[in-house]
C-alpha atoms as a PDB file:
ATOM      1  CA  MET A   1       0.000   0.000   0.000  1.00  0.00           C
ATOM      2  CA  ARG A   2       1.400   3.399  -0.951  1.00  0.00           C
ATOM      3  CA  ILE A   3       0.352   6.241   1.310  1.00  0.00           C
ATOM      4  CA  GLU A   4       0.682   9.904   0.437  1.00  0.00           C
ATOM      5  CA  PRO A   5       0.917  12.373   3.326  1.00  0.00           C
ATOM      6  CA  ARG A   6      -1.429  14.806   1.577  1.00  0.00           C
ATOM      7  CA  SER A   7      -4.226  12.226   1.555  1.00  0.00           C
ATOM      8  CA  LEU A   8      -3.670  11.303   5.212  1.00  0.00           C
ATOM      9  CA  ILE A   9      -3.662  14.717   6.835  1.00  0.00           C
ATOM     10  CA  GLY A  10      -5.101  16.971   4.178  1.00  0.00           C
ATOM     11  CA  VAL A  11      -2.091  19.279   3.788  1.00  0.00           C
ATOM     12  CA  SER A  12       0.716  19.692   1.294  1.00  0.00           C
ATOM     13  CA  SER A  13       3.525  17.158   1.611  1.00  0.00           C
ATOM     14  CA  ASP A  14       5.898  20.124   1.788  1.00  0.00           C
ATOM     15  CA  THR A  15       4.428  21.239   5.133  1.00  0.00           C
ATOM     16  CA  THR A  16       7.025  20.674   7.831  1.00  0.00           C
ATOM     17  CA  ASP A  17       5.479  22.550  10.780  1.00  0.00           C
ATOM     18  CA  TRP A  18       3.548  19.945  12.764  1.00  0.00           C
ATOM     19  CA  ARG A  19       2.034  22.691  14.943  1.00  0.00           C
ATOM     20  CA  ARG A  20      -0.027  23.880  11.955  1.00  0.00           C
ATOM     21  CA  VAL A  21      -1.457  20.369  11.556  1.00  0.00           C
ATOM     22  CA  ALA A  22      -1.865  19.008  15.112  1.00  0.00           C
ATOM     23  CA  THR A  23      -5.229  19.185  16.848  1.00  0.00           C
ATOM     24  CA  PRO A  24      -5.332  21.052  20.184  1.00  0.00           C
ATOM     25  CA  ALA A  25      -5.852  17.720  22.008  1.00  0.00           C
ATOM     26  CA  ASP A  26      -2.760  16.243  20.369  1.00  0.00           C
ATOM     27  CA  ARG A  27      -0.653  19.294  21.160  1.00  0.00           C
ATOM     28  CA  ASP A  28      -1.671  18.736  24.811  1.00  0.00           C
ATOM     29  CA  ARG A  29      -0.748  15.043  24.607  1.00  0.00           C
ATOM     30  CA  LEU A  30       2.660  15.899  23.191  1.00  0.00           C
ATOM     31  CA  ARG A  31       3.282  18.504  25.901  1.00  0.00           C
ATOM     32  CA  GLY A  32       2.406  15.889  28.549  1.00  0.00           C
ATOM     33  CA  TRP A  33       4.551  13.066  27.144  1.00  0.00           C
ATOM     34  CA  ARG A  34       6.894  12.887  30.147  1.00  0.00           C
ATOM     35  CA  GLN A  35       4.091  12.738  32.704  1.00  0.00           C
ATOM     36  CA  ALA A  36       2.381   9.996  30.687  1.00  0.00           C
ATOM     37  CA  TRP A  37       5.665   8.059  30.662  1.00  0.00           C
ATOM     38  CA  MET A  38       6.173   8.473  34.422  1.00  0.00           C
ATOM     39  CA  ASP A  39       2.565   7.466  35.153  1.00  0.00           C
ATOM     40  CA  ALA A  40       2.928   4.365  32.967  1.00  0.00           C
ATOM     41  CA  LEU A  41       6.246   3.346  34.548  1.00  0.00           C
ATOM     42  CA  ALA A  42       4.787   3.778  38.049  1.00  0.00           C
ATOM     43  CA  LYS A  43       2.002   1.313  37.192  1.00  0.00           C
ATOM     44  CA  VAL A  44       4.479  -1.081  35.562  1.00  0.00           C
ATOM     45  CA  SER A  45       6.926  -1.057  38.488  1.00  0.00           C
ATOM     46  CA  ALA A  46       4.337  -2.634  40.788  1.00  0.00           C
ATOM     47  CA  SER A  47       3.308  -5.313  38.286  1.00  0.00           C
ATOM     48  CA  PRO A  48       4.592  -8.652  36.993  1.00  0.00           C
ATOM     49  CA  GLY A  49       5.533  -6.882  33.742  1.00  0.00           C
ATOM     50  CA  ALA A  50       8.290  -4.868  35.429  1.00  0.00           C
ATOM     51  CA  ALA A  51      10.886  -7.400  34.217  1.00  0.00           C
ATOM     52  CA  THR A  52      10.031  -6.582  30.591  1.00  0.00           C
ATOM     53  CA  VAL A  53      10.939  -2.923  31.132  1.00  0.00           C
ATOM     54  CA  ALA A  54      14.038  -3.734  33.205  1.00  0.00           C
ATOM     55  CA  ALA A  55      15.306  -6.105  30.484  1.00  0.00           C
ATOM     56  CA  ASP A  56      15.504  -3.322  27.851  1.00  0.00           C
ATOM     57  CA  PRO A  57      16.682  -0.079  29.480  1.00  0.00           C
ATOM     58  CA  LEU A  58      17.434   1.649  26.149  1.00  0.00           C
ATOM     59  CA  LEU A  59      13.911   1.162  24.813  1.00  0.00           C
ATOM     60  CA  PHE A  60      12.201   2.346  27.990  1.00  0.00           C
ATOM     61  CA  ASP A  61      14.509   5.227  29.000  1.00  0.00           C
ATOM     62  CA  PRO A  62      12.490   8.415  28.410  1.00  0.00           C
ATOM     63  CA  ASP A  63      15.677  10.471  28.060  1.00  0.00           C
ATOM     64  CA  ARG A  64      17.323   8.296  25.408  1.00  0.00           C
ATOM     65  CA  ALA A  65      17.322  10.174  22.091  1.00  0.00           C
ATOM     66  CA  LEU A  66      20.191  10.187  19.600  1.00  0.00           C
ATOM     67  CA  ALA A  67      20.764  12.205  16.436  1.00  0.00           C
ATOM     68  CA  THR A  68      19.035  11.058  13.230  1.00  0.00           C
ATOM     69  CA  ALA A  69      15.541  10.751  14.676  1.00  0.00           C
ATOM     70  CA  THR A  70      13.726   9.698  11.499  1.00  0.00           C
ATOM     71  CA  PRO A  71      14.358   6.180  10.174  1.00  0.00           C
ATOM     72  CA  PRO A  72      15.424   6.171   6.517  1.00  0.00           C
ATOM     73  CA  PRO A  73      12.917   4.886   3.950  1.00  0.00           C
ATOM     74  CA  GLY A  74      12.583   1.118   4.017  1.00  0.00           C
ATOM     75  CA  THR A  75      10.884  -1.914   5.512  1.00  0.00           C
ATOM     76  CA  TYR A  76      11.072  -2.421   9.262  1.00  0.00           C
ATOM     77  CA  LEU A  77       9.804  -4.678  12.008  1.00  0.00           C
ATOM     78  CA  CYS A  78       7.636  -2.910  14.575  1.00  0.00           C
ATOM     79  CA  ARG A  79       6.823  -4.315  17.999  1.00  0.00           C
ATOM     80  CA  VAL A  80       4.221  -2.568  20.158  1.00  0.00           C
ATOM     81  CA  ILE A  81       4.527  -2.570  23.941  1.00  0.00           C
ATOM     82  CA  LYS A  82       1.605  -1.034  25.827  1.00  0.00           C
ATOM     83  CA  LEU A  83       2.546   0.314  29.269  1.00  0.00           C
ATOM     84  CA  GLY A  84       0.242   1.201  32.162  1.00  0.00           C
ATOM     85  CA  ALA A  85      -3.217  -0.280  31.874  1.00  0.00           C
ATOM     86  CA  ASN A  86      -5.929   2.241  31.086  1.00  0.00           C
ATOM     87  CA  GLY A  87      -8.881   0.431  32.636  1.00  0.00           C
ATOM     88  CA  THR A  88      -9.291  -3.144  33.813  1.00  0.00           C
ATOM     89  CA  ALA A  89      -9.208  -5.049  30.506  1.00  0.00           C
ATOM     90  CA  MET A  90      -5.422  -4.790  29.978  1.00  0.00           C
ATOM     91  CA  ARG A  91      -2.309  -5.718  31.921  1.00  0.00           C
ATOM     92  CA  ASN A  92       0.235  -3.068  32.873  1.00  0.00           C
ATOM     93  CA  VAL A  93       2.589  -4.454  30.220  1.00  0.00           C
ATOM     94  CA  THR A  94       1.256  -5.968  27.019  1.00  0.00           C
ATOM     95  CA  THR A  95       3.698  -6.896  24.257  1.00  0.00           C
ATOM     96  CA  TYR A  96       2.595  -7.705  20.724  1.00  0.00           C
ATOM     97  CA  PRO A  97       4.635  -9.674  18.170  1.00  0.00           C
ATOM     98  CA  GLU A  98       6.712  -7.903  15.530  1.00  0.00           C
ATOM     99  CA  VAL A  99       4.945  -7.021  12.295  1.00  0.00           C
ATOM    100  CA  ALA A 100       6.139  -5.383   9.100  1.00  0.00           C
ATOM    101  CA  CYS A 101       6.010  -1.614   8.881  1.00  0.00           C
ATOM    102  CA  ARG A 102       7.276   0.852   6.317  1.00  0.00           C
ATOM    103  CA  VAL A 103       8.806   4.287   6.171  1.00  0.00           C
ATOM    104  CA  THR A 104       8.575   6.270   2.945  1.00  0.00           C
ATOM    105  CA  ARG A 105       9.786   9.751   2.088  1.00  0.00           C
ATOM    106  CA  GLU A 106       7.429  12.312   0.548  1.00  0.00           C
ATOM    107  CA  GLY A 107       8.993  15.741   0.071  1.00  0.00           C
ATOM    108  CA  ALA A 108      10.055  17.245   3.389  1.00  0.00           C
ATOM    109  CA  VAL A 109       8.298  14.643   5.562  1.00  0.00           C
ATOM    110  CA  SER A 110       8.254  10.868   5.949  1.00  0.00           C
ATOM    111  CA  THR A 111       5.293   8.524   6.288  1.00  0.00           C
ATOM    112  CA  MET A 112       5.314   5.571   8.676  1.00  0.00           C
ATOM    113  CA  TYR A 113       2.733   2.796   8.872  1.00  0.00           C
ATOM    114  CA  LYS A 114       2.222  -0.759  10.085  1.00  0.00           C
ATOM    115  CA  VAL A 115       1.462  -3.117   7.216  1.00  0.00           C
ATOM    116  CA  SER A 116      -0.580  -5.718   9.122  1.00  0.00           C
ATOM    117  CA  GLY A 117      -2.286  -6.432  12.424  1.00  0.00           C
ATOM    118  CA  PRO A 118      -5.640  -5.532  13.967  1.00  0.00           C
ATOM    119  CA  GLN A 119      -4.426  -2.036  14.958  1.00  0.00           C
ATOM    120  CA  ARG A 120      -2.295  -0.266  12.356  1.00  0.00           C
ATOM    121  CA  PRO A 121      -0.960   3.207  13.175  1.00  0.00           C
ATOM    122  CA  ILE A 122      -0.269   5.341  10.125  1.00  0.00           C
ATOM    123  CA  GLY A 123       1.134   8.827  10.203  1.00  0.00           C
ATOM    124  CA  ILE A 124       3.478  11.539   9.116  1.00  0.00           C
ATOM    125  CA  LEU A 125       6.910  12.117  10.670  1.00  0.00           C
ATOM    126  CA  PHE A 126       7.582  15.841  10.921  1.00  0.00           C
ATOM    127  CA  PRO A 127      11.157  16.898  11.686  1.00  0.00           C
ATOM    128  CA  GLU A 128      11.379  18.704  15.025  1.00  0.00           C
ATOM    129  CA  SER A 129      15.035  18.467  16.059  1.00  0.00           C
ATOM    130  CA  ALA A 130      18.070  16.307  15.314  1.00  0.00           C
ATOM    131  CA  SER A 131      16.975  13.849  17.998  1.00  0.00           C
ATOM    132  CA  ARG A 132      13.186  13.930  17.661  1.00  0.00           C
ATOM    133  CA  ALA A 133      10.484  13.774  14.999  1.00  0.00           C
ATOM    134  CA  VAL A 134       6.785  14.338  15.651  1.00  0.00           C
ATOM    135  CA  PHE A 135       4.353  11.618  14.560  1.00  0.00           C
ATOM    136  CA  LEU A 136       0.797  12.701  13.727  1.00  0.00           C
ATOM    137  CA  GLY A 137      -1.589  10.138  12.357  1.00  0.00           C
ATOM    138  CA  THR A 138      -4.529   7.878  12.852  1.00  0.00           C
ATOM    139  CA  MET A 139      -5.340   4.256  13.696  1.00  0.00           C
ATOM    140  CA  VAL A 140      -6.573   1.847  11.033  1.00  0.00           C
ATOM    141  CA  ILE A 141      -8.566  -0.960  12.670  1.00  0.00           C
ATOM    142  CA  GLY A 142      -9.511  -4.494  11.612  1.00  0.00           C
ATOM    143  CA  ASP A 143     -10.262  -4.987   7.928  1.00  0.00           C
ATOM    144  CA  GLU A 144     -10.363  -1.283   7.037  1.00  0.00           C
ATOM    145  CA  THR A 145      -8.429  -0.553   3.853  1.00  0.00           C
ATOM    146  CA  ARG A 146      -8.138   3.236   4.122  1.00  0.00           C
ATOM    147  CA  PRO A 147      -7.219   5.432   7.075  1.00  0.00           C
ATOM    148  CA  LEU A 148      -9.499   8.148   8.360  1.00  0.00           C
ATOM    149  CA  ASN A 149      -8.095  11.623   7.815  1.00  0.00           C
ATOM    150  CA  TYR A 150      -6.158  12.908  10.783  1.00  0.00           C
ATOM    151  CA  GLY A 151      -8.453  15.143  12.854  1.00  0.00           C
ATOM    152  CA  GLN A 152     -11.641  13.427  11.636  1.00  0.00           C
ATOM    153  CA  ASP A 153     -12.103  11.201  14.730  1.00  0.00           C
ATOM    154  CA  ALA A 154     -10.406  12.179  18.015  1.00  0.00           C
ATOM    155  CA  ASN A 155     -10.598   8.562  19.203  1.00  0.00           C
ATOM    156  CA  ARG A 156      -8.466   7.457  16.243  1.00  0.00           C
ATOM    157  CA  ASP A 157      -5.985  10.352  16.206  1.00  0.00           C
ATOM    158  CA  LEU A 158      -2.446   9.541  17.315  1.00  0.00           C
ATOM    159  CA  ALA A 159       0.373  11.871  18.343  1.00  0.00           C
ATOM    160  CA  GLY A 160       3.843  10.952  19.492  1.00  0.00           C
ATOM    161  CA  TYR A 161       7.574  11.232  19.080  1.00  0.00           C
ATOM    162  CA  VAL A 162      10.039   9.170  17.052  1.00  0.00           C
ATOM    163  CA  GLU A 163      13.568   8.887  18.428  1.00  0.00           C
ATOM    164  CA  ARG A 164      16.649   6.886  17.538  1.00  0.00           C
ATOM    165  CA  ILE A 165      17.811   4.911  20.577  1.00  0.00           C
ATOM    166  CA  GLY A 166      20.671   2.841  19.127  1.00  0.00           C
ATOM    167  CA  ASP A 167      22.419   1.728  15.990  1.00  0.00           C
ATOM    168  CA  LYS A 168      19.579   1.105  13.497  1.00  0.00           C
ATOM    169  CA  ARG A 169      17.017   1.117  16.308  1.00  0.00           C
ATOM    170  CA  TRP A 170      14.206   3.640  16.773  1.00  0.00           C
ATOM    171  CA  ARG A 171      11.071   3.966  18.825  1.00  0.00           C
ATOM    172  CA  LEU A 172       7.724   5.653  18.411  1.00  0.00           C
ATOM    173  CA  VAL A 173       6.303   6.838  21.728  1.00  0.00           C
ATOM    174  CA  LEU A 174       2.549   7.506  21.833  1.00  0.00           C
ATOM    175  CA  PRO A 175       1.508   9.207  25.094  1.00  0.00           C
ATOM    176  CA  ARG A 176      -2.032   8.638  26.311  1.00  0.00           C
ATOM    177  CA  PRO A 177      -3.566   6.825  23.358  1.00  0.00           C
ATOM    178  CA  ARG A 178      -7.361   6.776  23.649  1.00  0.00           C
ATOM    179  CA  PHE A 179      -7.674   3.121  24.658  1.00  0.00           C
ATOM    180  CA  GLU A 180      -5.921   0.347  26.599  1.00  0.00           C
ATOM    181  CA  SER A 181      -2.739   2.024  27.905  1.00  0.00           C
ATOM    182  CA  LEU A 182      -1.138   5.183  29.262  1.00  0.00           C
ATOM    183  CA  LEU A 183       1.817   4.922  26.878  1.00  0.00           C
ATOM    184  CA  ASP A 184       2.546   2.878  23.760  1.00  0.00           C
ATOM    185  CA  VAL A 185       6.165   2.263  22.801  1.00  0.00           C
ATOM    186  CA  VAL A 186       6.743   0.942  19.288  1.00  0.00           C
ATOM    187  CA  GLU A 187      10.209  -0.507  18.716  1.00  0.00           C
ATOM    188  CA  ILE A 188      11.358  -0.025  15.101  1.00  0.00           C
ATOM    189  CA  VAL A 189      14.232  -2.078  13.645  1.00  0.00           C
ATOM    190  CA  PRO A 190      15.201  -2.866  10.029  1.00  0.00           C
ATOM    191  CA  ALA A 191      13.596  -5.987   8.612  1.00  0.00           C
ATOM    192  CA  PRO A 192      16.054  -8.745   7.662  1.00  0.00           C
ATOM    193  CA  ARG A 193      16.859  -8.869   3.960  1.00  0.00           C
END
């Protein structure tokens, strides 16, 4: 599936200022990213899932961010870890298997999306600094074949940060997604050739 940023968020692919695109609710979520992370880790520390976080300190260190924030275009493996149960239906740490995801370049921004799975984030990576890119997008669910436009449904909108945390290793951090968790961390590594 080829995704064009213009069709996803309704703006020119040359737009690089995420603040002109982000909804007020998502700007608030991005401002509160650290508190969401601390709240999630507090819930995790008192749960059986604490070992998962302790086993990968680079992935779960909120202050780990290296230069070259945006992954280059290509095929990757993405693994979602949901931290801090939001409600009673989830555990405080829920890890999903790796699935294929892709990064493409369109003008001044990149597009990132999961290729398969019941929940497929899709969004635009806006450059913010050398060590951080802003992700704005939406969630494709189940057998849907097209994403909703960003801003069309607040329950589907996603906002987060992409950071490089190691050699050929990135993460997408989604603070306070609407359902299931307080923080989603998506590990992003190149797919084997």
